Protein backbone atom coordinates (compact mmCIF):
# COMPACT_ATOMS: atom_id res chain seq x y z
CA MET A 1 35.77 90.21 133.92
CA GLU A 2 38.34 92.95 134.45
CA LYS A 3 39.78 94.31 131.24
CA ALA A 4 43.55 93.90 131.35
CA VAL A 5 46.68 94.57 129.34
CA ILE A 6 49.80 92.46 129.78
CA LEU A 7 53.28 93.89 130.26
CA CYS A 8 55.66 91.55 128.44
CA ASP A 9 58.05 94.02 126.83
CA GLY A 10 60.73 92.21 124.85
CA TYR A 11 59.55 88.72 125.84
CA PHE A 12 56.19 87.99 124.21
CA GLY A 13 56.16 84.67 122.36
CA GLN A 14 59.29 83.49 124.19
CA SER A 15 59.60 81.10 127.13
CA THR A 16 60.20 83.97 129.57
CA GLY A 17 56.88 85.42 128.42
CA LYS A 18 54.96 82.22 129.09
CA THR A 19 52.56 83.96 131.50
CA ALA A 20 51.56 86.42 128.79
CA ASN A 21 51.46 83.63 126.20
CA GLY A 22 49.13 81.59 128.37
CA LEU A 23 46.79 84.48 129.15
CA VAL A 24 46.48 85.44 125.49
CA ARG A 25 45.53 81.86 124.64
CA TYR A 26 43.18 81.25 127.56
CA SER A 27 41.71 83.42 130.32
CA LYS A 28 38.53 83.09 132.35
CA ARG A 29 39.56 85.67 134.96
CA TYR A 30 40.55 88.66 132.80
CA GLU A 31 39.47 90.04 129.46
CA ILE A 32 42.83 90.41 127.72
CA ALA A 33 42.65 93.64 125.74
CA GLY A 34 46.28 94.03 124.67
CA VAL A 35 49.95 93.12 125.12
CA ILE A 36 52.76 95.62 125.65
CA ASP A 37 55.90 94.63 123.74
CA HIS A 38 57.61 97.31 121.65
CA THR A 39 59.58 94.65 119.71
CA LYS A 40 56.36 93.26 118.19
CA ALA A 41 54.13 96.35 118.26
CA GLY A 42 51.53 96.52 115.52
CA ARG A 43 51.06 92.78 115.28
CA ASP A 44 48.22 90.55 116.47
CA ALA A 45 49.08 88.54 119.61
CA GLY A 46 47.36 85.38 118.40
CA ASP A 47 49.17 85.55 115.09
CA VAL A 48 52.54 85.85 116.86
CA LEU A 49 51.84 82.86 119.10
CA ASP A 50 49.96 80.43 116.91
CA GLY A 51 49.66 81.93 113.44
CA LYS A 52 45.95 82.61 114.09
CA PRO A 53 44.85 86.23 114.69
CA ASN A 54 42.66 86.62 117.79
CA GLY A 55 42.08 90.38 117.84
CA VAL A 56 44.43 91.09 120.77
CA PRO A 57 46.74 93.92 119.65
CA ILE A 58 50.39 94.25 120.61
CA VAL A 59 51.22 97.86 121.48
CA ALA A 60 54.47 99.72 122.02
CA ASN A 61 53.96 101.19 125.49
CA LEU A 62 51.54 101.77 128.35
CA LYS A 63 50.34 105.11 126.97
CA GLU A 64 49.19 103.41 123.76
CA ALA A 65 47.69 100.54 125.77
CA ILE A 66 45.60 102.94 127.85
CA GLU A 67 44.43 104.91 124.82
CA ARG A 68 43.57 101.88 122.66
CA CYS A 69 42.52 99.25 125.19
CA GLN A 70 41.13 101.24 128.16
CA PRO A 71 42.24 98.63 130.73
CA GLU A 72 41.44 98.44 134.43
CA THR A 73 44.43 96.25 135.18
CA LEU A 74 48.08 95.75 134.20
CA ILE A 75 49.32 92.14 134.44
CA ILE A 76 53.06 91.42 134.67
CA GLY A 77 53.34 88.77 131.96
CA VAL A 78 56.81 87.31 132.48
CA ALA A 79 58.19 84.35 134.43
CA THR A 80 61.73 85.54 135.16
CA PHE A 81 64.62 83.56 136.59
CA GLY A 82 64.20 83.77 140.35
CA GLY A 83 60.80 85.42 140.02
CA TYR A 84 62.18 88.96 140.16
CA ILE A 85 60.40 92.02 138.83
CA PRO A 86 62.51 93.14 135.84
CA LYS A 87 64.14 96.49 136.62
CA GLU A 88 63.05 97.88 133.26
CA PHE A 89 59.41 97.15 134.18
CA ARG A 90 59.44 99.34 137.30
CA PRO A 91 58.82 102.67 135.51
CA VAL A 92 55.89 101.13 133.62
CA ILE A 93 54.43 99.75 136.86
CA ARG A 94 54.75 103.16 138.51
CA GLU A 95 53.06 104.78 135.52
CA ALA A 96 50.23 102.24 135.64
CA ILE A 97 49.59 102.88 139.32
CA GLU A 98 49.63 106.64 138.72
CA HIS A 99 46.90 106.06 136.10
CA ARG A 100 44.90 104.17 138.77
CA LEU A 101 45.36 100.79 137.14
CA ASN A 102 45.41 97.73 139.36
CA VAL A 103 48.66 95.77 139.00
CA VAL A 104 48.73 91.96 139.14
CA ALA A 105 51.87 89.81 139.29
CA GLY A 106 52.72 86.14 139.69
CA LEU A 107 56.36 86.55 140.65
CA HIS A 108 58.28 85.57 143.78
CA GLU A 109 59.11 89.25 144.37
CA PHE A 110 55.80 90.55 145.68
CA LEU A 111 54.34 93.91 144.69
CA ASN A 112 52.91 94.30 148.19
CA ASP A 113 56.39 93.99 149.71
CA ASP A 114 57.68 96.93 147.65
CA PRO A 115 57.40 100.16 149.70
CA GLU A 116 57.42 102.39 146.61
CA PHE A 117 54.59 100.53 144.88
CA VAL A 118 52.54 100.22 148.09
CA LYS A 119 52.81 103.96 148.79
CA LEU A 120 51.85 104.84 145.22
CA ALA A 121 48.92 102.41 145.23
CA GLU A 122 47.57 103.89 148.46
CA ALA A 123 47.86 107.40 147.05
CA HIS A 124 46.10 106.58 143.77
CA GLY A 125 43.55 104.00 144.90
CA ALA A 126 45.02 101.09 142.95
CA ARG A 127 45.12 97.44 144.03
CA LEU A 128 48.30 95.36 144.04
CA VAL A 129 47.66 91.63 143.63
CA ASP A 130 50.28 88.90 144.18
CA VAL A 131 48.89 85.56 143.00
CA ARG A 132 52.01 83.60 143.90
CA LYS A 133 51.72 84.31 147.61
CA PRO A 134 51.02 81.08 149.54
CA ARG A 135 48.77 80.71 152.53
CA PRO A 136 50.21 81.39 156.00
CA ILE A 137 52.03 78.42 157.54
CA ARG A 138 49.44 78.01 160.30
CA GLU A 139 46.75 77.54 157.64
CA SER A 140 48.78 75.22 155.40
CA LYS A 141 48.10 71.51 155.05
CA GLN A 142 50.44 68.54 155.14
CA PHE A 143 50.21 65.22 153.28
CA SER A 144 47.22 63.14 154.39
CA ASP A 145 47.02 60.42 151.68
CA LEU A 146 43.60 61.60 150.52
CA ALA A 147 43.96 61.79 146.71
CA ARG A 148 44.71 58.09 146.26
CA LYS A 149 41.30 57.21 147.70
CA LEU A 150 39.27 59.47 145.39
CA PRO A 151 36.84 57.65 143.03
CA CYS A 152 38.10 59.55 139.99
CA LEU A 153 41.06 59.50 137.63
CA ARG A 154 43.94 61.83 138.48
CA ILE A 155 46.02 62.74 135.44
CA PRO A 156 48.95 65.15 135.78
CA VAL A 157 50.38 66.60 132.57
CA LEU A 158 54.15 66.38 133.08
CA GLY A 159 57.06 66.89 130.69
CA THR A 160 60.71 66.64 129.73
CA ASP A 161 61.42 70.33 130.41
CA GLY A 162 60.01 73.58 131.72
CA ALA A 163 58.02 75.91 129.42
CA ILE A 164 57.09 72.99 127.19
CA GLY A 165 53.28 73.23 127.08
CA LYS A 166 52.16 71.34 130.19
CA ARG A 167 49.68 73.96 131.40
CA THR A 168 48.27 74.70 127.94
CA THR A 169 47.82 71.00 127.25
CA ALA A 170 46.20 70.42 130.65
CA LEU A 171 43.65 73.16 129.94
CA LEU A 172 42.97 71.90 126.41
CA LEU A 173 42.59 68.35 127.71
CA THR A 174 40.17 69.46 130.45
CA ASP A 175 38.00 71.31 127.93
CA ALA A 176 38.14 68.39 125.47
CA LEU A 177 37.09 65.90 128.14
CA ASN A 178 34.14 68.05 129.17
CA ALA A 179 33.14 68.52 125.52
CA ALA A 180 33.18 64.73 125.11
CA GLY A 181 30.85 64.27 128.07
CA VAL A 182 33.54 63.26 130.56
CA PRO A 183 33.27 65.66 133.55
CA ALA A 184 36.76 67.03 134.22
CA ALA A 185 38.31 69.66 136.48
CA PHE A 186 41.66 71.45 136.17
CA VAL A 187 44.01 72.04 139.10
CA ALA A 188 46.67 74.72 138.60
CA THR A 189 50.11 74.53 140.17
CA GLY A 190 51.64 77.81 138.96
CA GLN A 191 51.01 81.51 138.70
CA THR A 192 49.76 81.50 135.10
CA GLY A 193 47.08 78.89 135.69
CA LEU A 194 45.85 80.87 138.69
CA LEU A 195 45.89 84.11 136.69
CA GLN A 196 43.93 82.40 133.93
CA GLY A 197 41.14 81.84 136.43
CA SER A 198 41.47 78.26 137.67
CA ALA A 199 39.06 77.63 140.54
CA TYR A 200 41.49 75.14 142.04
CA GLY A 201 45.23 75.21 142.58
CA VAL A 202 48.21 76.54 144.48
CA PRO A 203 51.42 78.42 143.60
CA LEU A 204 53.44 75.27 144.22
CA ASP A 205 56.97 76.67 144.00
CA SER A 206 56.16 79.36 146.58
CA ILE A 207 55.14 76.88 149.26
CA LYS A 208 57.60 75.64 151.88
CA ALA A 209 58.68 72.08 151.14
CA ASP A 210 56.96 70.60 154.22
CA PHE A 211 53.58 71.71 152.86
CA MET A 212 53.90 71.39 149.06
CA VAL A 213 52.33 67.96 148.78
CA GLY A 214 49.62 68.58 151.37
CA GLU A 215 48.55 71.92 149.92
CA LEU A 216 48.25 70.54 146.39
CA GLU A 217 46.62 67.32 147.59
CA SER A 218 43.95 69.38 149.37
CA GLU A 219 43.16 71.23 146.11
CA VAL A 220 42.86 67.96 144.18
CA VAL A 221 40.43 66.71 146.83
CA ARG A 222 38.50 69.99 146.85
CA ALA A 223 38.20 69.89 143.06
CA TYR A 224 36.61 66.45 143.27
CA ASP A 225 34.40 67.28 146.25
CA GLU A 226 32.97 70.39 144.59
CA THR A 227 32.63 69.11 141.01
CA ARG A 228 32.38 65.30 141.30
CA ALA A 229 34.52 65.19 138.17
CA ARG A 230 35.40 61.82 136.71
CA VAL A 231 38.85 63.16 135.78
CA ILE A 232 41.05 65.64 137.67
CA VAL A 233 43.72 67.09 135.37
CA VAL A 234 46.71 68.51 137.24
CA GLU A 235 49.14 71.01 135.71
CA GLY A 236 52.77 69.91 135.76
CA GLN A 237 55.82 71.95 136.74
CA GLY A 238 59.40 71.68 135.55
CA SER A 239 60.61 68.14 134.89
CA ILE A 240 61.44 65.21 137.14
CA SER A 241 64.88 64.91 135.47
CA HIS A 242 65.71 68.63 135.44
CA PRO A 243 68.53 69.58 137.84
CA ALA A 244 67.09 73.06 138.46
CA TYR A 245 63.64 71.87 139.64
CA VAL A 246 64.04 70.01 142.90
CA CYS A 247 60.52 69.38 144.19
CA GLY A 248 57.87 70.37 141.65
CA THR A 249 57.19 67.23 139.62
CA ARG A 250 57.70 64.82 142.51
CA ALA A 251 55.36 66.88 144.70
CA ILE A 252 52.73 66.75 141.95
CA ILE A 253 53.09 62.98 141.64
CA MET A 254 52.76 62.46 145.40
CA ALA A 255 49.88 64.92 145.75
CA SER A 256 47.82 63.52 142.87
CA MET A 257 48.72 59.83 143.11
CA PRO A 258 48.36 59.53 139.32
CA SER A 259 46.00 57.12 137.66
CA ALA A 260 47.89 57.94 134.45
CA ILE A 261 50.32 60.54 133.13
CA LEU A 262 50.31 62.58 129.93
CA MET A 263 53.87 63.64 129.05
CA MET A 264 54.92 66.64 126.96
CA HIS A 265 58.07 66.64 124.83
CA ALA A 266 59.70 69.07 122.36
CA PRO A 267 61.61 66.86 119.89
CA ALA A 268 63.55 69.75 118.31
CA ARG A 269 64.70 71.24 121.63
CA LYS A 270 68.35 70.36 122.27
CA THR A 271 69.01 72.00 125.65
CA ARG A 272 66.83 72.79 128.65
CA SER A 273 64.86 76.03 128.49
CA PHE A 274 66.07 77.09 131.93
CA ARG A 275 69.08 79.46 132.01
CA ARG A 276 70.54 78.54 128.64
CA ASP A 277 72.84 81.55 128.98
CA ILE A 278 74.50 79.86 131.98
CA VAL A 279 74.11 76.10 131.57
CA ALA A 280 73.53 74.25 128.28
CA TRP A 281 72.00 71.19 129.95
CA PRO A 282 70.93 68.58 127.38
CA MET A 283 67.32 67.50 126.96
CA PRO A 284 66.46 63.95 128.05
CA THR A 285 65.08 61.38 125.65
CA VAL A 286 61.47 60.25 125.95
CA ASP A 287 62.69 56.88 127.26
CA GLU A 288 64.78 58.52 129.96
CA GLU A 289 61.95 60.75 131.17
CA ILE A 290 59.46 57.88 131.26
CA GLU A 291 61.97 55.85 133.26
CA TRP A 292 62.35 58.72 135.76
CA LEU A 293 58.59 59.20 136.12
CA GLN A 294 57.73 55.55 136.48
CA PHE A 295 60.50 55.04 139.05
CA TYR A 296 58.33 57.13 141.39
CA THR A 297 54.87 56.03 140.29
CA ARG A 298 55.69 52.31 140.62
CA ARG A 299 56.41 52.84 144.30
CA ILE A 300 53.02 54.37 145.03
CA GLY A 301 50.96 52.05 142.84
CA GLY A 302 50.40 54.88 140.37
CA GLY A 303 49.67 54.93 136.67
CA LYS A 304 51.93 54.85 133.65
CA VAL A 305 52.54 57.36 130.88
CA VAL A 306 49.54 56.85 128.58
CA GLY A 307 50.11 59.60 126.03
CA ILE A 308 52.80 61.87 124.61
CA GLY A 309 52.09 65.47 123.71
CA ILE A 310 54.32 67.12 121.13
CA ASN A 311 55.50 70.72 121.41
CA HIS A 312 56.09 71.80 117.80
CA GLU A 313 58.63 74.57 118.41
CA ASN A 314 61.13 74.79 115.52
CA MET A 315 59.33 71.98 113.68
CA THR A 316 57.34 71.83 110.45
CA ARG A 317 54.02 70.06 110.14
CA ASP A 318 55.66 67.22 108.25
CA GLU A 319 58.31 66.81 110.95
CA VAL A 320 55.65 66.67 113.65
CA GLU A 321 53.64 64.08 111.74
CA ALA A 322 56.76 61.95 111.33
CA VAL A 323 57.51 62.10 115.06
CA VAL A 324 53.90 61.24 115.91
CA GLY A 325 54.08 58.12 113.74
CA THR A 326 57.46 57.08 115.15
CA PHE A 327 56.44 57.53 118.79
CA GLU A 328 53.12 55.72 118.39
CA GLN A 329 54.86 52.79 116.78
CA LYS A 330 57.68 52.72 119.34
CA TYR A 331 55.73 53.31 122.56
CA GLY A 332 52.30 52.02 121.61
CA ILE A 333 50.51 55.04 123.13
CA PRO A 334 48.66 57.97 121.51
CA THR A 335 50.84 60.88 120.46
CA ALA A 336 49.66 64.29 119.21
CA ASP A 337 50.44 67.98 119.11
CA PRO A 338 47.65 69.42 121.32
CA LEU A 339 47.70 72.79 119.55
CA TRP A 340 47.73 71.40 116.01
CA HIS A 341 45.86 68.10 116.41
CA GLY A 342 43.71 68.72 119.48
CA CYS A 343 43.38 66.27 122.36
CA GLY A 344 41.00 63.75 120.78
CA LYS A 345 43.46 60.84 120.98
CA PHE A 346 44.11 61.50 124.65
CA VAL A 347 40.40 61.82 125.43
CA ALA A 348 39.75 58.46 123.76
CA ALA A 349 42.48 56.82 125.84
CA ILE A 350 41.10 58.31 129.05
CA GLN A 351 37.54 57.27 128.17
CA ARG A 352 38.75 53.69 127.98
CA MET A 353 39.99 54.05 131.57
CA THR A 354 36.79 55.49 133.05
């Protein structure tokens, strides 16, 4: 694996830094050697995220990252509004290229479309990698109603908001299923999952609407064809009820034709994570989100919500345990915090379906 450092200056541990957060927690494609964030320099990245040191240092700048971590690659670790490269990151990217580091990004603004970066990379022998770039239109696929006919369970991990733990939970669930002897495969739908090394997936929000469902459907089918998994776990995007995400969740539902849905929720979150500085849009209730999701799944003969994952942000252990008890009593389905409790309850529920 390439040794990489992540540029997440000022954002690590926050929702905008979710790409860096995800890579620090889980990466099969890169060896994560450090995180650049001067606001948290000197700390351990695992300790900042989850209260558990993992040996990944947070450093103040690229110079320190090169000296301490000796990386081959710099990864842009933010998911910005609109997918723009932050202006304050440009000098660091230039410096990285001048030090012959490859630069990898998962933003809508492509490194390879930037004349300055392209010229520098050619001069210094560095590679620029844009993981969010979709396939050319002539190679893209349209909906073919293939997933519904697969002899395996398809379980998307959806949620009540963006940046709420859908991808992390999907990865943990996939690993937990495999550990329990239930062959499972993960299909990514965003830049972080692809950066983490998923063998299957597409950058869903970069694909033209005509091809979103077909492109993702083809990856779900490919995942089954190549692995013969009994369960295909699909990463969710946004939220079906969120006004800022038009197509993501519905495209995932139509592409996967769910056998069941695992839904993430952050009980202490009051407003949507998206653009809180502009719009304080209230969070939905669990009942409202389930109603939205099952409005669509009923019409395609799809599955119901069979589990609720808790995101513990701004909550104590006792508060989480209380919510778990309340939800299990109210909805009659397993509820757990995937990071604190693991995915055992969800695995057991899925095993009963296989």
